Amino acid sequence: MSRICEITGKKLMVGNSVSHSNIKTKRKFYPNLQTKRFFIPETESWITLKVSAQAIRTISKNGITACLKEAREKGFLTR
């Protein structure tokens, strides 16, 4: 399974670990993903999404229907 948020599109980032002696080695920054179920009142069904913590806040602010519509338009949600 890929580590990509299905609402915001957040994914892995690459950067450097910097030691005390300023030696740089590559490292990965992973998004804070959670698997969460949401209830869609229009269809009276549940949907399971892999979303970031920021996406959970966005869904609680704007609503699940608006977020799903926007994610489909941007191409983050394929189902």
C-alpha atoms as a PDB file:
ATOM      1  CA  MET A   1       0.000   0.000   0.000  1.00  0.00           C
ATOM      2  CA  SER A   2       1.286   3.420  -0.849  1.00  0.00           C
ATOM      3  CA  ARG A   3       1.745   6.041   1.830  1.00  0.00           C
ATOM      4  CA  ILE A   4      -0.339   8.779   0.202  1.00  0.00           C
ATOM      5  CA  CYS A   5      -3.238  10.669   1.770  1.00  0.00           C
ATOM      6  CA  GLU A   6      -6.388  10.109  -0.266  1.00  0.00           C
ATOM      7  CA  ILE A   7      -7.808  13.562   0.522  1.00  0.00           C
ATOM      8  CA  THR A   8      -4.849  15.972   0.483  1.00  0.00           C
ATOM      9  CA  GLY A   9      -2.337  14.016  -1.615  1.00  0.00           C
ATOM     10  CA  LYS A  10       0.419  14.274   0.983  1.00  0.00           C
ATOM     11  CA  LYS A  11       3.178  11.740   0.399  1.00  0.00           C
ATOM     12  CA  LEU A  12       6.735  10.840   1.349  1.00  0.00           C
ATOM     13  CA  MET A  13       9.345  13.622   1.297  1.00  0.00           C
ATOM     14  CA  VAL A  14      13.125  13.183   1.137  1.00  0.00           C
ATOM     15  CA  GLY A  15      15.629  15.248   3.073  1.00  0.00           C
ATOM     16  CA  ASN A  16      18.858  15.056   5.024  1.00  0.00           C
ATOM     17  CA  SER A  17      19.710  13.963   8.543  1.00  0.00           C
ATOM     18  CA  VAL A  18      22.352  16.367   9.786  1.00  0.00           C
ATOM     19  CA  SER A  19      24.688  15.142  12.517  1.00  0.00           C
ATOM     20  CA  HIS A  20      26.480  17.273  15.093  1.00  0.00           C
ATOM     21  CA  SER A  21      29.574  17.187  12.862  1.00  0.00           C
ATOM     22  CA  ASN A  22      27.390  18.413   9.938  1.00  0.00           C
ATOM     23  CA  ILE A  23      27.551  15.099   8.019  1.00  0.00           C
ATOM     24  CA  LYS A  24      24.440  14.761   5.862  1.00  0.00           C
ATOM     25  CA  THR A  25      22.766  11.436   5.110  1.00  0.00           C
ATOM     26  CA  LYS A  26      19.523  10.895   3.247  1.00  0.00           C
ATOM     27  CA  ARG A  27      16.339  10.218   5.209  1.00  0.00           C
ATOM     28  CA  LYS A  28      12.599  10.055   4.602  1.00  0.00           C
ATOM     29  CA  PHE A  29       9.782  12.115   6.092  1.00  0.00           C
ATOM     30  CA  TYR A  30       6.546  10.131   6.205  1.00  0.00           C
ATOM     31  CA  PRO A  31       3.105  11.770   6.445  1.00  0.00           C
ATOM     32  CA  ASN A  32       1.019  11.116   9.567  1.00  0.00           C
ATOM     33  CA  LEU A  33      -1.478   8.706   7.966  1.00  0.00           C
ATOM     34  CA  GLN A  34      -4.426   7.109   9.736  1.00  0.00           C
ATOM     35  CA  THR A  35      -6.923   4.565   8.427  1.00  0.00           C
ATOM     36  CA  LYS A  36     -10.350   5.967   9.273  1.00  0.00           C
ATOM     37  CA  ARG A  37     -13.991   5.183   8.467  1.00  0.00           C
ATOM     38  CA  PHE A  38     -16.347   8.023   7.541  1.00  0.00           C
ATOM     39  CA  PHE A  39     -20.129   7.948   7.249  1.00  0.00           C
ATOM     40  CA  ILE A  40     -21.597   9.519   4.100  1.00  0.00           C
ATOM     41  CA  PRO A  41     -25.133  10.684   4.971  1.00  0.00           C
ATOM     42  CA  GLU A  42     -26.263  11.148   1.348  1.00  0.00           C
ATOM     43  CA  THR A  43     -25.775   7.478   0.482  1.00  0.00           C
ATOM     44  CA  GLU A  44     -26.087   6.226   4.083  1.00  0.00           C
ATOM     45  CA  SER A  45     -22.902   4.183   3.712  1.00  0.00           C
ATOM     46  CA  TRP A  46     -19.455   3.991   5.286  1.00  0.00           C
ATOM     47  CA  ILE A  47     -16.179   4.582   3.443  1.00  0.00           C
ATOM     48  CA  THR A  48     -12.692   3.683   4.680  1.00  0.00           C
ATOM     49  CA  LEU A  49      -9.948   6.141   3.754  1.00  0.00           C
ATOM     50  CA  LYS A  50      -6.244   6.456   4.490  1.00  0.00           C
ATOM     51  CA  VAL A  51      -5.980  10.115   5.496  1.00  0.00           C
ATOM     52  CA  SER A  52      -3.442  12.403   7.134  1.00  0.00           C
ATOM     53  CA  ALA A  53      -4.087  14.137  10.440  1.00  0.00           C
ATOM     54  CA  GLN A  54      -4.509  17.420   8.556  1.00  0.00           C
ATOM     55  CA  ALA A  55      -7.134  15.820   6.301  1.00  0.00           C
ATOM     56  CA  ILE A  56      -9.136  14.680   9.342  1.00  0.00           C
ATOM     57  CA  ARG A  57      -9.243  18.290  10.511  1.00  0.00           C
ATOM     58  CA  THR A  58     -10.273  19.448   7.021  1.00  0.00           C
ATOM     59  CA  ILE A  59     -13.057  16.855   6.873  1.00  0.00           C
ATOM     60  CA  SER A  60     -14.417  17.892  10.255  1.00  0.00           C
ATOM     61  CA  LYS A  61     -14.398  21.536   9.121  1.00  0.00           C
ATOM     62  CA  ASN A  62     -15.784  21.236   5.561  1.00  0.00           C
ATOM     63  CA  GLY A  63     -17.632  17.912   5.673  1.00  0.00           C
ATOM     64  CA  ILE A  64     -16.883  14.551   4.072  1.00  0.00           C
ATOM     65  CA  THR A  65     -18.961  15.145   0.935  1.00  0.00           C
ATOM     66  CA  ALA A  66     -17.173  18.381   0.015  1.00  0.00           C
ATOM     67  CA  CYS A  67     -13.749  16.841   0.675  1.00  0.00           C
ATOM     68  CA  LEU A  68     -14.491  13.741  -1.419  1.00  0.00           C
ATOM     69  CA  LYS A  69     -15.687  15.907  -4.307  1.00  0.00           C
ATOM     70  CA  GLU A  70     -12.546  18.056  -4.184  1.00  0.00           C
ATOM     71  CA  ALA A  71     -10.252  15.001  -3.928  1.00  0.00           C
ATOM     72  CA  ARG A  72     -11.870  13.421  -7.008  1.00  0.00           C
ATOM     73  CA  GLU A  73     -11.425  16.671  -8.977  1.00  0.00           C
ATOM     74  CA  LYS A  74      -7.736  16.851  -8.045  1.00  0.00           C
ATOM     75  CA  GLY A  75      -7.234  13.140  -8.816  1.00  0.00           C
ATOM     76  CA  PHE A  76      -6.195  12.009  -5.319  1.00  0.00           C
ATOM     77  CA  LEU A  77      -9.184   9.679  -4.870  1.00  0.00           C
ATOM     78  CA  THR A  78      -9.607   7.057  -7.570  1.00  0.00           C
ATOM     79  CA  ARG A  79     -12.658   5.194  -6.269  1.00  0.00           C
END
